[in-house]
Amino acid sequence: MSELGLLPIAGQGDLEPSVQIVAVVVTALLLGLVLELVRRRRLVERYALLWMTVALVLLGLAIWTDLLGWASDRVGIADPSNALFLAAFGVAFVLLLHFSVATSRLGEETKILAQEVARLDEQLRELRDASANGAPQARDESDGVRAAGGGPATRSSTRTTDQ
């Protein structure tokens, strides 16, 4: 490491050049894949930002091989691989927490939507039952005549209702 405390430059690490090239290519492909998924609207932007950040960090670690050692020294972790596992565990924990919150919110929204659909279905059944019993209905918006007098609603009320 440099004596000035600056970030280490590329090529100072213990990684072989061929392994470093493969690591750079793979992380660049990951970044390209994320961008392509966003372009095709298969990945929303808020998750794309997370994955692009992860890809850029991996790209940084692939280019500057001593960066992990430098970071682990700054945090006080003796072995850089332990720092990597701790960081990966922390990221996985945050992702799991985020997805749990999103899943809980979506479950609550699904419950509310199901209740609303059930309420609307009940109203529709009541209207169909009232129409089948010959009860007068509200005015038809298109021509201003009552639907019970042979308008479009009378024809639709003779259909069998769904379960």
N, C-alpha and C. Protein backbone atom coordinates (compact mmCIF):
# COMPACT_ATOMS: atom_id res chain seq x y z
N MET A 1 0.84 -1.17 0.00
CA MET A 1 0.00 0.00 0.00
C MET A 1 0.88 1.23 0.00
N SER A 2 0.28 2.30 -0.45
CA SER A 2 1.06 3.53 -0.51
C SER A 2 1.22 4.10 0.90
N GLU A 3 2.32 4.81 1.09
CA GLU A 3 2.60 5.36 2.41
C GLU A 3 1.78 6.62 2.68
N LEU A 4 1.20 7.20 1.65
CA LEU A 4 0.43 8.42 1.82
C LEU A 4 -0.99 8.15 2.28
N GLY A 5 -1.39 6.87 2.32
CA GLY A 5 -2.75 6.55 2.76
C GLY A 5 -3.78 6.70 1.65
N LEU A 6 -3.32 6.88 0.43
CA LEU A 6 -4.24 7.01 -0.69
C LEU A 6 -4.73 5.64 -1.12
N LEU A 7 -5.78 5.64 -1.94
CA LEU A 7 -6.28 4.37 -2.45
C LEU A 7 -5.22 3.69 -3.30
N PRO A 8 -5.12 2.37 -3.20
CA PRO A 8 -4.14 1.66 -4.01
C PRO A 8 -4.53 1.72 -5.48
N ILE A 9 -3.53 1.68 -6.32
CA ILE A 9 -3.81 1.73 -7.75
C ILE A 9 -3.93 0.33 -8.31
N ALA A 10 -4.47 0.23 -9.52
CA ALA A 10 -4.70 -1.07 -10.16
C ALA A 10 -3.37 -1.77 -10.40
N GLY A 11 -3.40 -3.07 -10.31
CA GLY A 11 -2.24 -3.87 -10.64
C GLY A 11 -1.32 -4.13 -9.48
N GLN A 12 -1.60 -3.65 -8.29
CA GLN A 12 -0.72 -3.88 -7.15
C GLN A 12 -1.07 -5.15 -6.38
N GLY A 13 -2.20 -5.78 -6.67
CA GLY A 13 -2.66 -6.91 -5.88
C GLY A 13 -1.99 -8.21 -6.23
N ASP A 14 -2.44 -9.26 -5.55
CA ASP A 14 -1.87 -10.58 -5.73
C ASP A 14 -2.58 -11.37 -6.83
N LEU A 15 -3.58 -10.80 -7.48
CA LEU A 15 -4.35 -11.49 -8.49
C LEU A 15 -3.56 -11.60 -9.79
N GLU A 16 -3.68 -12.75 -10.43
CA GLU A 16 -3.05 -12.90 -11.73
C GLU A 16 -3.78 -12.03 -12.75
N PRO A 17 -3.08 -11.53 -13.76
CA PRO A 17 -3.72 -10.65 -14.74
C PRO A 17 -4.89 -11.31 -15.47
N SER A 18 -4.79 -12.60 -15.78
CA SER A 18 -5.88 -13.28 -16.49
C SER A 18 -7.14 -13.37 -15.61
N VAL A 19 -6.96 -13.63 -14.34
CA VAL A 19 -8.10 -13.70 -13.41
C VAL A 19 -8.70 -12.30 -13.25
N GLN A 20 -7.86 -11.29 -13.19
CA GLN A 20 -8.35 -9.93 -13.06
C GLN A 20 -9.14 -9.51 -14.30
N ILE A 21 -8.67 -9.90 -15.48
CA ILE A 21 -9.38 -9.58 -16.73
C ILE A 21 -10.74 -10.27 -16.75
N VAL A 22 -10.80 -11.54 -16.34
CA VAL A 22 -12.07 -12.26 -16.30
C VAL A 22 -13.02 -11.59 -15.32
N ALA A 23 -12.51 -11.19 -14.17
CA ALA A 23 -13.35 -10.53 -13.16
C ALA A 23 -13.90 -9.21 -13.70
N VAL A 24 -13.10 -8.44 -14.39
CA VAL A 24 -13.56 -7.18 -14.96
C VAL A 24 -14.61 -7.43 -16.03
N VAL A 25 -14.38 -8.42 -16.90
CA VAL A 25 -15.33 -8.73 -17.97
C VAL A 25 -16.66 -9.21 -17.39
N VAL A 26 -16.62 -10.08 -16.40
CA VAL A 26 -17.84 -10.63 -15.81
C VAL A 26 -18.65 -9.52 -15.12
N THR A 27 -17.99 -8.65 -14.37
CA THR A 27 -18.73 -7.58 -13.71
C THR A 27 -19.26 -6.57 -14.72
N ALA A 28 -18.52 -6.33 -15.80
CA ALA A 28 -19.03 -5.44 -16.85
C ALA A 28 -20.25 -6.06 -17.52
N LEU A 29 -20.24 -7.37 -17.72
CA LEU A 29 -21.41 -8.06 -18.28
C LEU A 29 -22.61 -7.97 -17.32
N LEU A 30 -22.36 -8.08 -16.03
CA LEU A 30 -23.43 -7.94 -15.04
C LEU A 30 -24.04 -6.55 -15.11
N LEU A 31 -23.19 -5.53 -15.22
CA LEU A 31 -23.68 -4.16 -15.34
C LEU A 31 -24.49 -3.99 -16.63
N GLY A 32 -24.01 -4.57 -17.73
CA GLY A 32 -24.74 -4.50 -18.99
C GLY A 32 -26.08 -5.23 -18.91
N LEU A 33 -26.11 -6.37 -18.23
CA LEU A 33 -27.35 -7.12 -18.06
C LEU A 33 -28.39 -6.32 -17.29
N VAL A 34 -27.96 -5.65 -16.23
CA VAL A 34 -28.88 -4.82 -15.44
C VAL A 34 -29.44 -3.70 -16.31
N LEU A 35 -28.58 -3.04 -17.07
CA LEU A 35 -29.04 -1.97 -17.94
C LEU A 35 -30.02 -2.48 -19.00
N GLU A 36 -29.76 -3.66 -19.54
CA GLU A 36 -30.66 -4.24 -20.54
C GLU A 36 -32.01 -4.60 -19.93
N LEU A 37 -32.01 -5.13 -18.71
CA LEU A 37 -33.27 -5.45 -18.03
C LEU A 37 -34.09 -4.20 -17.75
N VAL A 38 -33.42 -3.11 -17.43
CA VAL A 38 -34.13 -1.85 -17.23
C VAL A 38 -34.70 -1.36 -18.55
N ARG A 39 -33.91 -1.46 -19.62
CA ARG A 39 -34.37 -1.00 -20.93
C ARG A 39 -35.60 -1.77 -21.39
N ARG A 40 -35.64 -3.05 -21.11
CA ARG A 40 -36.79 -3.89 -21.50
C ARG A 40 -37.92 -3.84 -20.47
N ARG A 41 -37.77 -3.03 -19.46
CA ARG A 41 -38.78 -2.86 -18.40
C ARG A 41 -39.08 -4.16 -17.64
N ARG A 42 -38.06 -4.96 -17.46
CA ARG A 42 -38.20 -6.17 -16.67
C ARG A 42 -37.66 -5.99 -15.25
N LEU A 43 -36.98 -4.88 -15.03
CA LEU A 43 -36.44 -4.54 -13.72
C LEU A 43 -36.73 -3.06 -13.47
N VAL A 44 -37.38 -2.77 -12.35
CA VAL A 44 -37.73 -1.38 -12.06
C VAL A 44 -36.48 -0.62 -11.63
N GLU A 45 -36.53 0.70 -11.79
CA GLU A 45 -35.36 1.53 -11.60
C GLU A 45 -34.81 1.48 -10.18
N ARG A 46 -35.69 1.37 -9.20
CA ARG A 46 -35.18 1.40 -7.83
C ARG A 46 -34.35 0.16 -7.52
N TYR A 47 -34.70 -0.99 -8.09
CA TYR A 47 -33.87 -2.18 -7.91
C TYR A 47 -32.66 -2.14 -8.82
N ALA A 48 -32.80 -1.53 -9.99
CA ALA A 48 -31.67 -1.41 -10.91
C ALA A 48 -30.57 -0.58 -10.27
N LEU A 49 -30.94 0.47 -9.54
CA LEU A 49 -29.94 1.30 -8.87
C LEU A 49 -29.15 0.46 -7.86
N LEU A 50 -29.83 -0.38 -7.14
CA LEU A 50 -29.16 -1.25 -6.18
C LEU A 50 -28.19 -2.20 -6.88
N TRP A 51 -28.67 -2.86 -7.94
CA TRP A 51 -27.83 -3.83 -8.64
C TRP A 51 -26.68 -3.15 -9.38
N MET A 52 -26.90 -1.95 -9.90
CA MET A 52 -25.81 -1.24 -10.56
C MET A 52 -24.75 -0.82 -9.54
N THR A 53 -25.18 -0.46 -8.35
CA THR A 53 -24.22 -0.13 -7.30
C THR A 53 -23.38 -1.35 -6.92
N VAL A 54 -24.04 -2.49 -6.78
CA VAL A 54 -23.30 -3.73 -6.47
C VAL A 54 -22.33 -4.05 -7.59
N ALA A 55 -22.76 -3.92 -8.85
CA ALA A 55 -21.89 -4.21 -9.99
C ALA A 55 -20.70 -3.25 -10.03
N LEU A 56 -20.93 -1.98 -9.73
CA LEU A 56 -19.83 -1.01 -9.74
C LEU A 56 -18.83 -1.28 -8.61
N VAL A 57 -19.34 -1.70 -7.45
CA VAL A 57 -18.44 -2.04 -6.35
C VAL A 57 -17.61 -3.27 -6.73
N LEU A 58 -18.25 -4.26 -7.32
CA LEU A 58 -17.50 -5.44 -7.77
C LEU A 58 -16.48 -5.09 -8.84
N LEU A 59 -16.86 -4.18 -9.74
CA LEU A 59 -15.93 -3.73 -10.77
C LEU A 59 -14.74 -3.02 -10.14
N GLY A 60 -15.03 -2.20 -9.14
CA GLY A 60 -13.94 -1.53 -8.43
C GLY A 60 -13.01 -2.51 -7.75
N LEU A 61 -13.58 -3.54 -7.13
CA LEU A 61 -12.75 -4.56 -6.48
C LEU A 61 -11.96 -5.38 -7.50
N ALA A 62 -12.53 -5.56 -8.70
CA ALA A 62 -11.82 -6.32 -9.73
C ALA A 62 -10.66 -5.51 -10.32
N ILE A 63 -10.85 -4.20 -10.42
CA ILE A 63 -9.78 -3.37 -10.99
C ILE A 63 -8.72 -3.07 -9.94
N TRP A 64 -9.14 -2.61 -8.76
CA TRP A 64 -8.20 -2.32 -7.69
C TRP A 64 -8.20 -3.49 -6.72
N THR A 65 -7.27 -4.40 -6.93
CA THR A 65 -7.28 -5.64 -6.15
C THR A 65 -6.88 -5.44 -4.69
N ASP A 66 -6.17 -4.36 -4.40
CA ASP A 66 -5.81 -4.11 -3.00
C ASP A 66 -6.87 -3.29 -2.26
N LEU A 67 -7.94 -2.94 -2.95
CA LEU A 67 -8.98 -2.12 -2.34
C LEU A 67 -9.64 -2.82 -1.16
N LEU A 68 -9.90 -4.11 -1.29
CA LEU A 68 -10.52 -4.85 -0.19
C LEU A 68 -9.60 -4.91 1.01
N GLY A 69 -8.31 -5.14 0.76
CA GLY A 69 -7.33 -5.15 1.86
C GLY A 69 -7.23 -3.80 2.54
N TRP A 70 -7.25 -2.74 1.73
CA TRP A 70 -7.19 -1.38 2.28
C TRP A 70 -8.43 -1.09 3.12
N ALA A 71 -9.62 -1.48 2.60
CA ALA A 71 -10.86 -1.23 3.33
C ALA A 71 -10.91 -2.03 4.62
N SER A 72 -10.48 -3.28 4.58
CA SER A 72 -10.52 -4.10 5.80
C SER A 72 -9.53 -3.58 6.84
N ASP A 73 -8.38 -3.04 6.39
CA ASP A 73 -7.45 -2.41 7.34
C ASP A 73 -8.08 -1.19 8.00
N ARG A 74 -8.81 -0.40 7.24
CA ARG A 74 -9.43 0.81 7.77
C ARG A 74 -10.54 0.48 8.78
N VAL A 75 -11.24 -0.63 8.56
CA VAL A 75 -12.32 -1.02 9.47
C VAL A 75 -11.78 -1.77 10.69
N GLY A 76 -10.60 -2.35 10.55
CA GLY A 76 -9.99 -3.07 11.66
C GLY A 76 -10.18 -4.57 11.58
N ILE A 77 -10.46 -5.10 10.40
CA ILE A 77 -10.61 -6.54 10.21
C ILE A 77 -9.30 -7.07 9.65
N ALA A 78 -8.75 -8.09 10.31
CA ALA A 78 -7.41 -8.58 9.97
C ALA A 78 -7.36 -9.25 8.60
N ASP A 79 -8.36 -10.06 8.27
CA ASP A 79 -8.34 -10.81 7.02
C ASP A 79 -9.33 -10.18 6.03
N PRO A 80 -8.87 -9.78 4.85
CA PRO A 80 -9.78 -9.16 3.88
C PRO A 80 -10.94 -10.06 3.45
N SER A 81 -10.73 -11.37 3.44
CA SER A 81 -11.83 -12.26 3.05
C SER A 81 -12.95 -12.23 4.10
N ASN A 82 -12.58 -12.06 5.37
CA ASN A 82 -13.60 -11.92 6.41
C ASN A 82 -14.40 -10.63 6.22
N ALA A 83 -13.72 -9.58 5.80
CA ALA A 83 -14.41 -8.32 5.53
C ALA A 83 -15.39 -8.48 4.38
N LEU A 84 -14.97 -9.23 3.36
CA LEU A 84 -15.85 -9.48 2.22
C LEU A 84 -17.09 -10.27 2.64
N PHE A 85 -16.91 -11.31 3.45
CA PHE A 85 -18.05 -12.10 3.92
C PHE A 85 -18.97 -11.27 4.82
N LEU A 86 -18.39 -10.43 5.66
CA LEU A 86 -19.20 -9.58 6.52
C LEU A 86 -20.00 -8.58 5.69
N ALA A 87 -19.38 -8.01 4.69
CA ALA A 87 -20.09 -7.06 3.82
C ALA A 87 -21.19 -7.77 3.04
N ALA A 88 -20.90 -8.96 2.53
CA ALA A 88 -21.91 -9.73 1.79
C ALA A 88 -23.08 -10.10 2.69
N PHE A 89 -22.79 -10.49 3.93
CA PHE A 89 -23.85 -10.81 4.89
C PHE A 89 -24.70 -9.58 5.19
N GLY A 90 -24.05 -8.44 5.36
CA GLY A 90 -24.79 -7.20 5.62
C GLY A 90 -25.68 -6.81 4.46
N VAL A 91 -25.17 -6.92 3.23
CA VAL A 91 -25.97 -6.59 2.05
C VAL A 91 -27.14 -7.55 1.92
N ALA A 92 -26.89 -8.84 2.14
CA ALA A 92 -27.98 -9.83 2.06
C ALA A 92 -29.04 -9.55 3.12
N PHE A 93 -28.62 -9.18 4.32
CA PHE A 93 -29.57 -8.88 5.38
C PHE A 93 -30.44 -7.68 5.01
N VAL A 94 -29.82 -6.62 4.50
CA VAL A 94 -30.57 -5.42 4.11
C VAL A 94 -31.53 -5.75 2.97
N LEU A 95 -31.10 -6.55 2.00
CA LEU A 95 -31.98 -6.94 0.89
C LEU A 95 -33.17 -7.76 1.39
N LEU A 96 -32.91 -8.70 2.28
CA LEU A 96 -34.00 -9.51 2.83
C LEU A 96 -34.99 -8.65 3.61
N LEU A 97 -34.49 -7.71 4.36
CA LEU A 97 -35.37 -6.81 5.10
C LEU A 97 -36.21 -5.96 4.15
N HIS A 98 -35.57 -5.44 3.11
CA HIS A 98 -36.29 -4.62 2.13
C HIS A 98 -37.37 -5.43 1.42
N PHE A 99 -37.03 -6.63 0.99
CA PHE A 99 -38.02 -7.45 0.29
C PHE A 99 -39.13 -7.93 1.22
N SER A 100 -38.84 -8.11 2.50
CA SER A 100 -39.89 -8.46 3.46
C SER A 100 -40.87 -7.31 3.63
N VAL A 101 -40.35 -6.10 3.69
CA VAL A 101 -41.22 -4.93 3.80
C VAL A 101 -42.08 -4.80 2.53
N ALA A 102 -41.46 -4.98 1.35
CA ALA A 102 -42.20 -4.87 0.09
C ALA A 102 -43.27 -5.96 -0.01
N THR A 103 -42.94 -7.17 0.41
CA THR A 103 -43.89 -8.27 0.36
C THR A 103 -45.05 -8.02 1.31
N SER A 104 -44.76 -7.51 2.50
CA SER A 104 -45.83 -7.20 3.45
C SER A 104 -46.76 -6.13 2.89
N ARG A 105 -46.20 -5.10 2.30
CA ARG A 105 -47.00 -4.03 1.73
C ARG A 105 -47.86 -4.56 0.58
N LEU A 106 -47.29 -5.37 -0.28
CA LEU A 106 -48.05 -5.93 -1.41
C LEU A 106 -49.15 -6.87 -0.92
N GLY A 107 -48.88 -7.62 0.13
CA GLY A 107 -49.91 -8.50 0.70
C GLY A 107 -51.08 -7.71 1.25
N GLU A 108 -50.77 -6.60 1.90
CA GLU A 108 -51.83 -5.74 2.44
C GLU A 108 -52.64 -5.12 1.31
N GLU A 109 -51.97 -4.65 0.26
CA GLU A 109 -52.67 -4.08 -0.89
C GLU A 109 -53.54 -5.12 -1.59
N THR A 110 -53.05 -6.35 -1.69
CA THR A 110 -53.82 -7.43 -2.30
C THR A 110 -55.08 -7.72 -1.50
N LYS A 111 -54.95 -7.72 -0.17
CA LYS A 111 -56.12 -7.96 0.68
C LYS A 111 -57.17 -6.87 0.49
N ILE A 112 -56.72 -5.62 0.43
CA ILE A 112 -57.66 -4.51 0.24
C ILE A 112 -58.33 -4.61 -1.12
N LEU A 113 -57.57 -4.94 -2.16
CA LEU A 113 -58.16 -5.08 -3.49
C LEU A 113 -59.16 -6.24 -3.55
N ALA A 114 -58.85 -7.35 -2.89
CA ALA A 114 -59.78 -8.49 -2.87
C ALA A 114 -61.08 -8.11 -2.16
N GLN A 115 -60.97 -7.35 -1.08
CA GLN A 115 -62.18 -6.91 -0.39
C GLN A 115 -63.01 -5.97 -1.26
N GLU A 116 -62.35 -5.10 -1.99
CA GLU A 116 -63.07 -4.18 -2.88
C GLU A 116 -63.75 -4.94 -4.02
N VAL A 117 -63.08 -5.93 -4.60
CA VAL A 117 -63.68 -6.73 -5.66
C VAL A 117 -64.89 -7.49 -5.12
N ALA A 118 -64.78 -8.04 -3.92
CA ALA A 118 -65.91 -8.76 -3.33
C ALA A 118 -67.09 -7.83 -3.08
N ARG A 119 -66.81 -6.61 -2.63
CA ARG A 119 -67.88 -5.64 -2.40
C ARG A 119 -68.56 -5.26 -3.71
N LEU A 120 -67.78 -5.02 -4.74
CA LEU A 120 -68.36 -4.67 -6.04
C LEU A 120 -69.13 -5.84 -6.65
N ASP A 121 -68.64 -7.05 -6.46
CA ASP A 121 -69.35 -8.24 -6.94
C ASP A 121 -70.69 -8.39 -6.24
N GLU A 122 -70.72 -8.14 -4.94
CA GLU A 122 -71.98 -8.21 -4.18
C GLU A 122 -72.97 -7.16 -4.68
N GLN A 123 -72.49 -5.95 -4.94
CA GLN A 123 -73.38 -4.91 -5.47
C GLN A 123 -73.93 -5.31 -6.83
N LEU A 124 -73.09 -5.88 -7.67
CA LEU A 124 -73.53 -6.32 -9.00
C LEU A 124 -74.58 -7.42 -8.89
N ARG A 125 -74.39 -8.35 -7.99
CA ARG A 125 -75.38 -9.42 -7.80
C ARG A 125 -76.71 -8.86 -7.30
N GLU A 126 -76.65 -7.90 -6.38
CA GLU A 126 -77.88 -7.29 -5.88
C GLU A 126 -78.62 -6.57 -7.00
N LEU A 127 -77.90 -5.88 -7.87
CA LEU A 127 -78.53 -5.20 -9.00
C LEU A 127 -79.15 -6.21 -9.97
N ARG A 128 -78.46 -7.30 -10.22
CA ARG A 128 -79.00 -8.32 -11.12
C ARG A 128 -80.24 -8.98 -10.52
N ASP A 129 -80.20 -9.25 -9.22
CA ASP A 129 -81.36 -9.85 -8.56
C ASP A 129 -82.55 -8.90 -8.59
N ALA A 130 -82.28 -7.63 -8.35
CA ALA A 130 -83.37 -6.65 -8.38
C ALA A 130 -83.94 -6.54 -9.78
N SER A 131 -83.11 -6.63 -10.78
CA SER A 131 -83.56 -6.54 -12.17
C SER A 131 -84.36 -7.79 -12.56
N ALA A 132 -83.94 -8.93 -12.07
CA ALA A 132 -84.64 -10.19 -12.38
C ALA A 132 -86.01 -10.24 -11.71
N ASN A 133 -86.17 -9.59 -10.57
CA ASN A 133 -87.44 -9.57 -9.85
C ASN A 133 -88.39 -8.51 -10.38
N GLY A 134 -87.97 -7.75 -11.37
CA GLY A 134 -88.84 -6.75 -11.97
C GLY A 134 -88.86 -5.43 -11.24
N ALA A 135 -87.96 -5.22 -10.35
CA ALA A 135 -87.90 -3.95 -9.64
C ALA A 135 -87.42 -2.87 -10.60
N PRO A 136 -87.95 -1.68 -10.48
CA PRO A 136 -87.50 -0.61 -11.38
C PRO A 136 -86.05 -0.26 -11.10
N GLN A 137 -85.34 0.08 -12.17
CA GLN A 137 -83.93 0.42 -12.04
C GLN A 137 -83.74 1.90 -12.30
N ALA A 138 -82.54 2.34 -12.10
CA ALA A 138 -82.20 3.74 -12.34
C ALA A 138 -82.26 4.02 -13.83
N ARG A 139 -82.32 5.29 -14.18
CA ARG A 139 -82.40 5.67 -15.58
C ARG A 139 -81.14 5.24 -16.33
N ASP A 140 -81.33 4.83 -17.57
CA ASP A 140 -80.21 4.49 -18.44
C ASP A 140 -79.57 5.80 -18.88
N GLU A 141 -78.29 5.92 -18.75
CA GLU A 141 -77.59 7.17 -19.04
C GLU A 141 -77.61 7.52 -20.52
N SER A 142 -77.73 6.53 -21.40
CA SER A 142 -77.60 6.82 -22.83
C SER A 142 -78.86 7.45 -23.43
N ASP A 143 -80.06 7.02 -23.03
CA ASP A 143 -81.25 7.57 -23.67
C ASP A 143 -82.27 8.16 -22.70
N GLY A 144 -82.03 8.07 -21.40
CA GLY A 144 -82.91 8.69 -20.44
C GLY A 144 -84.19 7.93 -20.18
N VAL A 145 -84.37 6.70 -20.66
CA VAL A 145 -85.57 5.90 -20.42
C VAL A 145 -85.24 4.85 -19.36
N ARG A 146 -86.27 4.38 -18.69
CA ARG A 146 -86.04 3.35 -17.69
C ARG A 146 -85.64 2.04 -18.36
N ALA A 147 -84.65 1.35 -17.72
CA ALA A 147 -84.15 0.10 -18.30
C ALA A 147 -85.19 -1.01 -18.22
N ALA A 148 -86.13 -0.95 -17.27
CA ALA A 148 -87.12 -2.01 -17.14
C ALA A 148 -88.10 -2.02 -18.30
N GLY A 149 -88.15 -0.96 -19.10
CA GLY A 149 -89.10 -0.88 -20.19
C GLY A 149 -88.60 -1.49 -21.48
N GLY A 150 -87.68 -2.41 -21.45
CA GLY A 150 -87.21 -3.09 -22.66
C GLY A 150 -85.90 -2.53 -23.20
N GLY A 151 -85.23 -1.70 -22.42
CA GLY A 151 -83.94 -1.15 -22.84
C GLY A 151 -82.84 -2.19 -22.76
N PRO A 152 -81.61 -1.76 -22.91
CA PRO A 152 -80.48 -2.69 -22.90
C PRO A 152 -80.32 -3.44 -21.59
N ALA A 153 -80.70 -2.85 -20.47
CA ALA A 153 -80.51 -3.54 -19.19
C ALA A 153 -81.44 -4.72 -19.06
N THR A 154 -82.62 -4.68 -19.69
CA THR A 154 -83.55 -5.81 -19.60
C THR A 154 -82.98 -7.02 -20.33
N ARG A 155 -82.39 -6.78 -21.46
CA ARG A 155 -81.80 -7.90 -22.20
C ARG A 155 -80.66 -8.52 -21.42
N SER A 156 -79.85 -7.69 -20.76
CA SER A 156 -78.72 -8.25 -20.02
C SER A 156 -79.18 -8.94 -18.74
N SER A 157 -80.36 -8.55 -18.22
CA SER A 157 -80.80 -9.16 -16.96
C SER A 157 -81.34 -10.57 -17.17
N THR A 158 -81.61 -10.96 -18.40
CA THR A 158 -82.09 -12.33 -18.64
C THR A 158 -80.95 -13.32 -18.69
N ARG A 159 -79.72 -12.85 -18.73
CA ARG A 159 -78.58 -13.76 -18.72
C ARG A 159 -78.46 -14.42 -17.35
N THR A 160 -77.89 -15.60 -17.35
CA THR A 160 -77.68 -16.27 -16.07
C THR A 160 -76.49 -15.63 -15.38
N THR A 161 -76.59 -15.49 -14.08
CA THR A 161 -75.50 -14.86 -13.32
C THR A 161 -74.44 -15.89 -13.02
N ASP A 162 -73.21 -15.38 -12.86
CA ASP A 162 -72.10 -16.26 -12.48
C ASP A 162 -72.23 -16.63 -11.02
N GLN A 163 -71.53 -17.63 -10.65
CA GLN A 163 -71.57 -18.06 -9.24
C GLN A 163 -70.91 -17.09 -8.40
